[in-house]
PDB file of all heavy atoms in Angstrom:
ATOM      1  N   VAL A   1      82.925  87.717  94.710  1.00  0.00           N
ATOM      2  CA  VAL A   1      83.092  86.789  95.826  1.00  0.00           C
ATOM      3  C   VAL A   1      84.466  86.949  96.455  1.00  0.00           C
ATOM      4  O   VAL A   1      84.620  86.991  97.684  1.00  0.00           O
ATOM      5  CB  VAL A   1      82.883  85.341  95.353  1.00  0.00           C
ATOM      6  CG1 VAL A   1      83.274  84.350  96.444  1.00  0.00           C
ATOM      7  CG2 VAL A   1      81.438  85.118  94.943  1.00  0.00           C
ATOM      8  N   LEU A   2      85.479  87.092  95.605  1.00  0.00           N
ATOM      9  CA  LEU A   2      86.852  87.127  96.101  1.00  0.00           C
ATOM     10  C   LEU A   2      87.163  88.421  96.851  1.00  0.00           C
ATOM     11  O   LEU A   2      87.834  88.411  97.882  1.00  0.00           O
ATOM     12  CB  LEU A   2      87.817  86.959  94.929  1.00  0.00           C
ATOM     13  CG  LEU A   2      89.096  86.188  95.236  1.00  0.00           C
ATOM     14  CD1 LEU A   2      88.775  84.850  95.847  1.00  0.00           C
ATOM     15  CD2 LEU A   2      89.927  86.013  93.997  1.00  0.00           C
ATOM     16  N   ARG A   3      86.694  89.547  96.336  1.00  0.00           N
ATOM     17  CA  ARG A   3      86.913  90.825  97.029  1.00  0.00           C
ATOM     18  C   ARG A   3      86.296  90.798  98.420  1.00  0.00           C
ATOM     19  O   ARG A   3      86.900  91.271  99.393  1.00  0.00           O
ATOM     20  CB  ARG A   3      86.326  91.983  96.215  1.00  0.00           C
ATOM     21  CG  ARG A   3      87.120  92.370  94.988  1.00  0.00           C
ATOM     22  CD  ARG A   3      86.668  93.736  94.478  1.00  0.00           C
ATOM     23  NE  ARG A   3      85.233  93.788  94.234  1.00  0.00           N
ATOM     24  CZ  ARG A   3      84.661  93.482  93.070  1.00  0.00           C
ATOM     25  NH1 ARG A   3      85.424  93.072  92.060  1.00  0.00           N
ATOM     26  NH2 ARG A   3      83.356  93.559  92.908  1.00  0.00           N
ATOM     27  N   ALA A   4      85.100  90.255  98.517  1.00  0.00           N
ATOM     28  CA  ALA A   4      84.430  90.174  99.819  1.00  0.00           C
ATOM     29  C   ALA A   4      85.221  89.291 100.781  1.00  0.00           C
ATOM     30  O   ALA A   4      85.376  89.617 101.962  1.00  0.00           O
ATOM     31  CB  ALA A   4      83.009  89.632  99.637  1.00  0.00           C
ATOM     32  N   ALA A   5      85.757  88.171 100.292  1.00  0.00           N
ATOM     33  CA  ALA A   5      86.524  87.272 101.152  1.00  0.00           C
ATOM     34  C   ALA A   5      87.800  87.941 101.645  1.00  0.00           C
ATOM     35  O   ALA A   5      88.155  87.858 102.822  1.00  0.00           O
ATOM     36  CB  ALA A   5      86.864  85.988 100.394  1.00  0.00           C
ATOM     37  N   GLN A   6      88.516  88.630 100.749  1.00  0.00           N
ATOM     38  CA  GLN A   6      89.773  89.275 101.138  1.00  0.00           C
ATOM     39  C   GLN A   6      89.544  90.384 102.165  1.00  0.00           C
ATOM     40  O   GLN A   6      90.235  90.466 103.179  1.00  0.00           O
ATOM     41  CB  GLN A   6      90.477  89.853  99.912  1.00  0.00           C
ATOM     42  CG  GLN A   6      91.815  90.515 100.264  1.00  0.00           C
ATOM     43  CD  GLN A   6      92.325  91.441  99.174  1.00  0.00           C
ATOM     44  OE1 GLN A   6      91.833  91.411  98.049  1.00  0.00           O
ATOM     45  NE2 GLN A   6      93.288  92.282  99.505  1.00  0.00           N
ATOM     46  N   GLN A   7      88.559  91.229 101.897  1.00  0.00           N
ATOM     47  CA  GLN A   7      88.311  92.362 102.792  1.00  0.00           C
ATOM     48  C   GLN A   7      87.836  91.898 104.160  1.00  0.00           C
ATOM     49  O   GLN A   7      88.291  92.402 105.190  1.00  0.00           O
ATOM     50  CB  GLN A   7      87.283  93.294 102.150  1.00  0.00           C
ATOM     51  CG  GLN A   7      87.797  93.992 100.893  1.00  0.00           C
ATOM     52  CD  GLN A   7      86.693  94.711 100.139  1.00  0.00           C
ATOM     53  OE1 GLN A   7      85.541  94.758 100.584  1.00  0.00           O
ATOM     54  NE2 GLN A   7      87.022  95.263  98.981  1.00  0.00           N
ATOM     55  N   THR A   8      86.940  90.925 104.196  1.00  0.00           N
ATOM     56  CA  THR A   8      86.390  90.487 105.466  1.00  0.00           C
ATOM     57  C   THR A   8      87.423  89.744 106.303  1.00  0.00           C
ATOM     58  O   THR A   8      87.430  89.838 107.531  1.00  0.00           O
ATOM     59  CB  THR A   8      85.159  89.592 105.240  1.00  0.00           C
ATOM     60  OG1 THR A   8      84.273  90.228 104.317  1.00  0.00           O
ATOM     61  CG2 THR A   8      84.419  89.346 106.541  1.00  0.00           C
ATOM     62  N   ALA A   9      88.325  89.015 105.645  1.00  0.00           N
ATOM     63  CA  ALA A   9      89.356  88.271 106.358  1.00  0.00           C
ATOM     64  C   ALA A   9      90.552  89.138 106.713  1.00  0.00           C
ATOM     65  O   ALA A   9      91.488  88.648 107.343  1.00  0.00           O
ATOM     66  CB  ALA A   9      89.826  87.087 105.523  1.00  0.00           C
ATOM     67  N   SER A  10      90.531  90.416 106.311  1.00  0.00           N
ATOM     68  CA  SER A  10      91.683  91.301 106.509  1.00  0.00           C
ATOM     69  C   SER A  10      92.941  90.644 105.937  1.00  0.00           C
ATOM     70  O   SER A  10      93.994  90.600 106.580  1.00  0.00           O
ATOM     71  CB  SER A  10      91.876  91.615 108.005  1.00  0.00           C
ATOM     72  OG  SER A  10      92.902  92.557 108.194  1.00  0.00           O
ATOM     73  N   ALA A  11      92.807  90.110 104.725  1.00  0.00           N
ATOM     74  CA  ALA A  11      93.894  89.401 104.063  1.00  0.00           C
ATOM     75  C   ALA A  11      94.588  90.320 103.066  1.00  0.00           C
ATOM     76  O   ALA A  11      94.039  91.340 102.638  1.00  0.00           O
ATOM     77  CB  ALA A  11      93.364  88.161 103.352  1.00  0.00           C
ATOM     78  N   ASP A  12      95.807  89.941 102.686  1.00  0.00           N
ATOM     79  CA  ASP A  12      96.560  90.707 101.691  1.00  0.00           C
ATOM     80  C   ASP A  12      96.262  90.237 100.274  1.00  0.00           C
ATOM     81  O   ASP A  12      96.515  90.967  99.316  1.00  0.00           O
ATOM     82  CB  ASP A  12      98.063  90.591 101.959  1.00  0.00           C
ATOM     83  CG  ASP A  12      98.449  91.215 103.286  1.00  0.00           C
ATOM     84  OD1 ASP A  12      98.135  92.402 103.498  1.00  0.00           O
ATOM     85  OD2 ASP A  12      99.043  90.523 104.135  1.00  0.00           O
ATOM     86  N   PHE A  13      95.752  89.026 100.137  1.00  0.00           N
ATOM     87  CA  PHE A  13      95.408  88.520  98.816  1.00  0.00           C
ATOM     88  C   PHE A  13      94.379  87.414  98.956  1.00  0.00           C
ATOM     89  O   PHE A  13      94.183  86.842 100.042  1.00  0.00           O
ATOM     90  CB  PHE A  13      96.648  87.991  98.078  1.00  0.00           C
ATOM     91  CG  PHE A  13      97.297  86.805  98.737  1.00  0.00           C
ATOM     92  CD1 PHE A  13      96.888  85.504  98.458  1.00  0.00           C
ATOM     93  CD2 PHE A  13      98.317  86.986  99.653  1.00  0.00           C
ATOM     94  CE1 PHE A  13      97.476  84.419  99.082  1.00  0.00           C
ATOM     95  CE2 PHE A  13      98.921  85.908 100.281  1.00  0.00           C
ATOM     96  CZ  PHE A  13      98.493  84.621  99.991  1.00  0.00           C
ATOM     97  N   ALA A  14      93.725  87.115  97.847  1.00  0.00           N
ATOM     98  CA  ALA A  14      92.770  86.008  97.800  1.00  0.00           C
ATOM     99  C   ALA A  14      92.760  85.459  96.382  1.00  0.00           C
ATOM    100  O   ALA A  14      92.958  86.203  95.423  1.00  0.00           O
ATOM    101  CB  ALA A  14      91.367  86.470  98.204  1.00  0.00           C
ATOM    102  N   THR A  15      92.548  84.168  96.249  1.00  0.00           N
ATOM    103  CA  THR A  15      92.472  83.531  94.933  1.00  0.00           C
ATOM    104  C   THR A  15      91.283  82.585  94.903  1.00  0.00           C
ATOM    105  O   THR A  15      90.861  82.052  95.937  1.00  0.00           O
ATOM    106  CB  THR A  15      93.752  82.733  94.597  1.00  0.00           C
ATOM    107  OG1 THR A  15      93.871  81.627  95.506  1.00  0.00           O
ATOM    108  CG2 THR A  15      94.988  83.611  94.690  1.00  0.00           C
ATOM    109  N   LEU A  16      90.764  82.380  93.696  1.00  0.00           N
ATOM    110  CA  LEU A  16      89.680  81.425  93.498  1.00  0.00           C
ATOM    111  C   LEU A  16      90.057  80.551  92.313  1.00  0.00           C
ATOM    112  O   LEU A  16      90.257  81.049  91.205  1.00  0.00           O
ATOM    113  CB  LEU A  16      88.359  82.152  93.249  1.00  0.00           C
ATOM    114  CG  LEU A  16      87.088  81.291  93.268  1.00  0.00           C
ATOM    115  CD1 LEU A  16      85.888  82.147  93.680  1.00  0.00           C
ATOM    116  CD2 LEU A  16      86.803  80.662  91.912  1.00  0.00           C
ATOM    117  N   ALA A  17      90.182  79.256  92.560  1.00  0.00           N
ATOM    118  CA  ALA A  17      90.542  78.298  91.511  1.00  0.00           C
ATOM    119  C   ALA A  17      89.353  77.384  91.241  1.00  0.00           C
ATOM    120  O   ALA A  17      88.696  76.928  92.182  1.00  0.00           O
ATOM    121  CB  ALA A  17      91.754  77.476  91.931  1.00  0.00           C
ATOM    122  N   LEU A  18      89.064  77.126  89.957  1.00  0.00           N
ATOM    123  CA  LEU A  18      87.944  76.285  89.568  1.00  0.00           C
ATOM    124  C   LEU A  18      88.435  75.117  88.719  1.00  0.00           C
ATOM    125  O   LEU A  18      89.417  75.234  87.977  1.00  0.00           O
ATOM    126  CB  LEU A  18      86.911  77.094  88.775  1.00  0.00           C
ATOM    127  CG  LEU A  18      86.208  78.236  89.512  1.00  0.00           C
ATOM    128  CD1 LEU A  18      85.280  78.970  88.561  1.00  0.00           C
ATOM    129  CD2 LEU A  18      85.425  77.702  90.704  1.00  0.00           C
ATOM    130  N   ILE A  19      87.734  74.001  88.817  1.00  0.00           N
ATOM    131  CA  ILE A  19      88.037  72.839  87.985  1.00  0.00           C
ATOM    132  C   ILE A  19      87.394  73.051  86.621  1.00  0.00           C
ATOM    133  O   ILE A  19      86.189  73.328  86.525  1.00  0.00           O
ATOM    134  CB  ILE A  19      87.488  71.548  88.626  1.00  0.00           C
ATOM    135  CG1 ILE A  19      88.082  71.350  90.023  1.00  0.00           C
ATOM    136  CG2 ILE A  19      87.789  70.344  87.751  1.00  0.00           C
ATOM    137  CD1 ILE A  19      87.486  70.174  90.772  1.00  0.00           C
ATOM    138  N   ASN A  20      88.205  72.960  85.539  1.00  0.00           N
ATOM    139  CA  ASN A  20      87.647  73.137  84.204  1.00  0.00           C
ATOM    140  C   ASN A  20      87.124  71.808  83.666  1.00  0.00           C
ATOM    141  O   ASN A  20      87.199  70.769  84.332  1.00  0.00           O
ATOM    142  CB  ASN A  20      88.677  73.768  83.256  1.00  0.00           C
ATOM    143  CG  ASN A  20      89.958  72.948  83.178  1.00  0.00           C
ATOM    144  OD1 ASN A  20      89.950  71.737  83.358  1.00  0.00           O
ATOM    145  ND2 ASN A  20      91.062  73.623  82.900  1.00  0.00           N
ATOM    146  N   GLU A  21      86.611  71.846  82.454  1.00  0.00           N
ATOM    147  CA  GLU A  21      85.981  70.653  81.893  1.00  0.00           C
ATOM    148  C   GLU A  21      86.966  69.520  81.677  1.00  0.00           C
ATOM    149  O   GLU A  21      86.577  68.349  81.644  1.00  0.00           O
ATOM    150  CB  GLU A  21      85.282  71.009  80.572  1.00  0.00           C
ATOM    151  CG  GLU A  21      84.078  71.925  80.747  1.00  0.00           C
ATOM    152  CD  GLU A  21      83.357  72.163  79.444  1.00  0.00           C
ATOM    153  OE1 GLU A  21      83.794  71.590  78.424  1.00  0.00           O
ATOM    154  OE2 GLU A  21      82.369  72.907  79.437  1.00  0.00           O
ATOM    155  N   SER A  22      88.240  69.851  81.512  1.00  0.00           N
ATOM    156  CA  SER A  22      89.243  68.807  81.312  1.00  0.00           C
ATOM    157  C   SER A  22      89.761  68.250  82.641  1.00  0.00           C
ATOM    158  O   SER A  22      90.655  67.410  82.650  1.00  0.00           O
ATOM    159  CB  SER A  22      90.416  69.351  80.484  1.00  0.00           C
ATOM    160  OG  SER A  22      91.014  70.453  81.130  1.00  0.00           O
ATOM    161  N   GLY A  23      89.210  68.743  83.760  1.00  0.00           N
ATOM    162  CA  GLY A  23      89.575  68.223  85.073  1.00  0.00           C
ATOM    163  C   GLY A  23      90.772  68.888  85.702  1.00  0.00           C
ATOM    164  O   GLY A  23      91.238  68.456  86.761  1.00  0.00           O
ATOM    165  N   HIS A  24      91.284  69.960  85.099  1.00  0.00           N
ATOM    166  CA  HIS A  24      92.429  70.664  85.662  1.00  0.00           C
ATOM    167  C   HIS A  24      91.948  71.828  86.533  1.00  0.00           C
ATOM    168  O   HIS A  24      90.861  72.379  86.331  1.00  0.00           O
ATOM    169  CB  HIS A  24      93.335  71.192  84.548  1.00  0.00           C
ATOM    170  CG  HIS A  24      93.923  70.110  83.697  1.00  0.00           C
ATOM    171  ND1 HIS A  24      93.418  69.799  82.444  1.00  0.00           N
ATOM    172  CD2 HIS A  24      94.941  69.246  83.916  1.00  0.00           C
ATOM    173  CE1 HIS A  24      94.116  68.805  81.925  1.00  0.00           C
ATOM    174  NE2 HIS A  24      95.047  68.443  82.791  1.00  0.00           N
ATOM    175  N   LEU A  25      92.783  72.204  87.492  1.00  0.00           N
ATOM    176  CA  LEU A  25      92.452  73.277  88.427  1.00  0.00           C
ATOM    177  C   LEU A  25      93.179  74.540  87.999  1.00  0.00           C
ATOM    178  O   LEU A  25      94.403  74.576  87.932  1.00  0.00           O
ATOM    179  CB  LEU A  25      92.866  72.877  89.842  1.00  0.00           C
ATOM    180  CG  LEU A  25      92.422  73.779  90.989  1.00  0.00           C
ATOM    181  CD1 LEU A  25      90.904  73.806  91.093  1.00  0.00           C
ATOM    182  CD2 LEU A  25      93.024  73.301  92.305  1.00  0.00           C
ATOM    183  N   ARG A  26      92.411  75.582  87.691  1.00  0.00           N
ATOM    184  CA  ARG A  26      92.999  76.824  87.191  1.00  0.00           C
ATOM    185  C   ARG A  26      92.514  78.013  88.016  1.00  0.00           C
ATOM    186  O   ARG A  26      91.348  78.077  88.402  1.00  0.00           O
ATOM    187  CB  ARG A  26      92.644  77.042  85.719  1.00  0.00           C
ATOM    188  CG  ARG A  26      93.425  78.185  85.084  1.00  0.00           C
ATOM    189  CD  ARG A  26      92.930  78.496  83.681  1.00  0.00           C
ATOM    190  NE  ARG A  26      93.252  77.512  82.691  1.00  0.00           N
ATOM    191  CZ  ARG A  26      94.410  77.423  82.048  1.00  0.00           C
ATOM    192  NH1 ARG A  26      95.388  78.261  82.357  1.00  0.00           N
ATOM    193  NH2 ARG A  26      94.602  76.512  81.121  1.00  0.00           N
ATOM    194  N   VAL A  27      93.426  78.960  88.296  1.00  0.00           N
ATOM    195  CA  VAL A  27      93.073  80.183  89.026  1.00  0.00           C
ATOM    196  C   VAL A  27      92.263  81.080  88.095  1.00  0.00           C
ATOM    197  O   VAL A  27      92.767  81.547  87.072  1.00  0.00           O
ATOM    198  CB  VAL A  27      94.340  80.921  89.506  1.00  0.00           C
ATOM    199  CG1 VAL A  27      93.951  82.216  90.212  1.00  0.00           C
ATOM    200  CG2 VAL A  27      95.149  80.040  90.450  1.00  0.00           C
ATOM    201  N   ARG A  28      90.998  81.325  88.472  1.00  0.00           N
ATOM    202  CA  ARG A  28      90.101  82.117  87.620  1.00  0.00           C
ATOM    203  C   ARG A  28      89.828  83.503  88.167  1.00  0.00           C
ATOM    204  O   ARG A  28      89.198  84.329  87.498  1.00  0.00           O
ATOM    205  CB  ARG A  28      88.775  81.376  87.427  1.00  0.00           C
ATOM    206  CG  ARG A  28      88.892  80.066  86.688  1.00  0.00           C
ATOM    207  CD  ARG A  28      89.469  80.230  85.299  1.00  0.00           C
ATOM    208  NE  ARG A  28      88.665  81.060  84.454  1.00  0.00           N
ATOM    209  CZ  ARG A  28      87.864  80.604  83.490  1.00  0.00           C
ATOM    210  NH1 ARG A  28      87.772  79.300  83.278  1.00  0.00           N
ATOM    211  NH2 ARG A  28      87.177  81.425  82.723  1.00  0.00           N
ATOM    212  N   ALA A  29      90.268  83.784  89.385  1.00  0.00           N
ATOM    213  CA  ALA A  29      90.076  85.136  89.942  1.00  0.00           C
ATOM    214  C   ALA A  29      91.141  85.361  91.015  1.00  0.00           C
ATOM    215  O   ALA A  29      91.490  84.447  91.758  1.00  0.00           O
ATOM    216  CB  ALA A  29      88.680  85.292  90.533  1.00  0.00           C
ATOM    217  N   VAL A  30      91.655  86.598  91.058  1.00  0.00           N
ATOM    218  CA  VAL A  30      92.687  86.971  92.023  1.00  0.00           C
ATOM    219  C   VAL A  30      92.382  88.364  92.543  1.00  0.00           C
ATOM    220  O   VAL A  30      91.940  89.230  91.797  1.00  0.00           O
ATOM    221  CB  VAL A  30      94.103  86.961  91.400  1.00  0.00           C
ATOM    222  CG1 VAL A  30      95.166  87.216  92.471  1.00  0.00           C
ATOM    223  CG2 VAL A  30      94.381  85.651  90.678  1.00  0.00           C
ATOM    224  N   SER A  31      92.638  88.575  93.833  1.00  0.00           N
ATOM    225  CA  SER A  31      92.440  89.885  94.447  1.00  0.00           C
ATOM    226  C   SER A  31      93.627  90.176  95.355  1.00  0.00           C
ATOM    227  O   SER A  31      94.181  89.272  95.982  1.00  0.00           O
ATOM    228  CB  SER A  31      91.135  89.907  95.256  1.00  0.00           C
ATOM    229  OG  SER A  31      90.959  91.139  95.924  1.00  0.00           O
ATOM    230  N   GLY A  32      94.048  91.445  95.418  1.00  0.00           N
ATOM    231  CA  GLY A  32      95.132  91.819  96.318  1.00  0.00           C
ATOM    232  C   GLY A  32      96.492  91.860  95.651  1.00  0.00           C
ATOM    233  O   GLY A  32      96.612  92.093  94.438  1.00  0.00           O
ATOM    234  N   VAL A  33      97.541  91.607  96.429  1.00  0.00           N
ATOM    235  CA  VAL A  33      98.911  91.826  95.975  1.00  0.00           C
ATOM    236  C   VAL A  33      99.354  90.826  94.915  1.00  0.00           C
ATOM    237  O   VAL A  33     100.384  91.036  94.270  1.00  0.00           O
ATOM    238  CB  VAL A  33      99.896  91.773  97.165  1.00  0.00           C
ATOM    239  CG1 VAL A  33      99.610  92.885  98.148  1.00  0.00           C
ATOM    240  CG2 VAL A  33      99.842  90.415  97.861  1.00  0.00           C
ATOM    241  N   LEU A  34      98.620  89.739  94.699  1.00  0.00           N
ATOM    242  CA  LEU A  34      99.016  88.742  93.703  1.00  0.00           C
ATOM    243  C   LEU A  34      98.241  88.860  92.396  1.00  0.00           C
ATOM    244  O   LEU A  34      98.327  87.988  91.530  1.00  0.00           O
ATOM    245  CB  LEU A  34      98.829  87.326  94.270  1.00  0.00           C
ATOM    246  CG  LEU A  34      99.586  86.987  95.554  1.00  0.00           C
ATOM    247  CD1 LEU A  34      99.389  85.520  95.906  1.00  0.00           C
ATOM    248  CD2 LEU A  34     101.064  87.307  95.420  1.00  0.00           C
ATOM    249  N   THR A  35      97.488  89.950  92.229  1.00  0.00           N
ATOM    250  CA  THR A  35      96.590  90.091  91.094  1.00  0.00           C
ATOM    251  C   THR A  35      97.287  89.876  89.753  1.00  0.00           C
ATOM    252  O   THR A  35      96.773  89.201  88.866  1.00  0.00           O
ATOM    253  CB  THR A  35      95.916  91.477  91.120  1.00  0.00           C
ATOM    254  OG1 THR A  35      95.145  91.598  92.317  1.00  0.00           O
ATOM    255  CG2 THR A  35      95.009  91.668  89.919  1.00  0.00           C
ATOM    256  N   ASP A  36      98.462  90.452  89.570  1.00  0.00           N
ATOM    257  CA  ASP A  36      99.147  90.385  88.277  1.00  0.00           C
ATOM    258  C   ASP A  36     100.141  89.232  88.182  1.00  0.00           C
ATOM    259  O   ASP A  36     100.984  89.214  87.280  1.00  0.00           O
ATOM    260  CB  ASP A  36      99.894  91.703  88.020  1.00  0.00           C
ATOM    261  CG  ASP A  36      98.956  92.892  87.939  1.00  0.00           C
ATOM    262  OD1 ASP A  36      97.819  92.712  87.473  1.00  0.00           O
ATOM    263  OD2 ASP A  36      99.352  93.994  88.365  1.00  0.00           O
ATOM    264  N   HIS A  37     100.035  88.253  89.097  1.00  0.00           N
ATOM    265  CA  HIS A  37     101.081  87.232  89.135  1.00  0.00           C
ATOM    266  C   HIS A  37     100.571  85.793  89.016  1.00  0.00           C
ATOM    267  O   HIS A  37     101.303  84.942  88.500  1.00  0.00           O
ATOM    268  CB  HIS A  37     101.898  87.370  90.428  1.00  0.00           C
ATOM    269  CG  HIS A  37     102.624  88.666  90.548  1.00  0.00           C
ATOM    270  ND1 HIS A  37     102.027  89.820  91.014  1.00  0.00           N
ATOM    271  CD2 HIS A  37     103.896  89.004  90.232  1.00  0.00           C
ATOM    272  CE1 HIS A  37     102.911  90.808  90.994  1.00  0.00           C
ATOM    273  NE2 HIS A  37     104.043  90.336  90.530  1.00  0.00           N
ATOM    274  N   VAL A  38      99.387  85.494  89.482  1.00  0.00           N
ATOM    275  CA  VAL A  38      98.955  84.095  89.474  1.00  0.00           C
ATOM    276  C   VAL A  38      97.654  83.871  88.708  1.00  0.00           C
ATOM    277  O   VAL A  38      97.182  82.733  88.633  1.00  0.00           O
ATOM    278  CB  VAL A  38      98.791  83.559  90.916  1.00  0.00           C
ATOM    279  CG1 VAL A  38     100.108  83.634  91.659  1.00  0.00           C
ATOM    280  CG2 VAL A  38      97.716  84.320  91.680  1.00  0.00           C
ATOM    281  N   PHE A  39      97.083  84.904  88.119  1.00  0.00           N
ATOM    282  CA  PHE A  39      95.833  84.723  87.375  1.00  0.00           C
ATOM    283  C   PHE A  39      96.082  83.779  86.199  1.00  0.00           C
ATOM    284  O   PHE A  39      97.036  83.936  85.439  1.00  0.00           O
ATOM    285  CB  PHE A  39      95.302  86.063  86.863  1.00  0.00           C
ATOM    286  CG  PHE A  39      93.985  85.939  86.144  1.00  0.00           C
ATOM    287  CD1 PHE A  39      92.807  85.904  86.846  1.00  0.00           C
ATOM    288  CD2 PHE A  39      93.939  85.842  84.762  1.00  0.00           C
ATOM    289  CE1 PHE A  39      91.588  85.776  86.200  1.00  0.00           C
ATOM    290  CE2 PHE A  39      92.735  85.714  84.097  1.00  0.00           C
ATOM    291  CZ  PHE A  39      91.558  85.686  84.819  1.00  0.00           C
TER     292      PHE A  39
END
């Protein structure tokens, strides 16, 4: 999902954050220049 969003938007990066069972928001997927920094 994230690769498609980044490529279609002509973006340099994309992130996908999901709410876990404890109610916290965590980055679960990263694409682009931030791949090794915010996952």
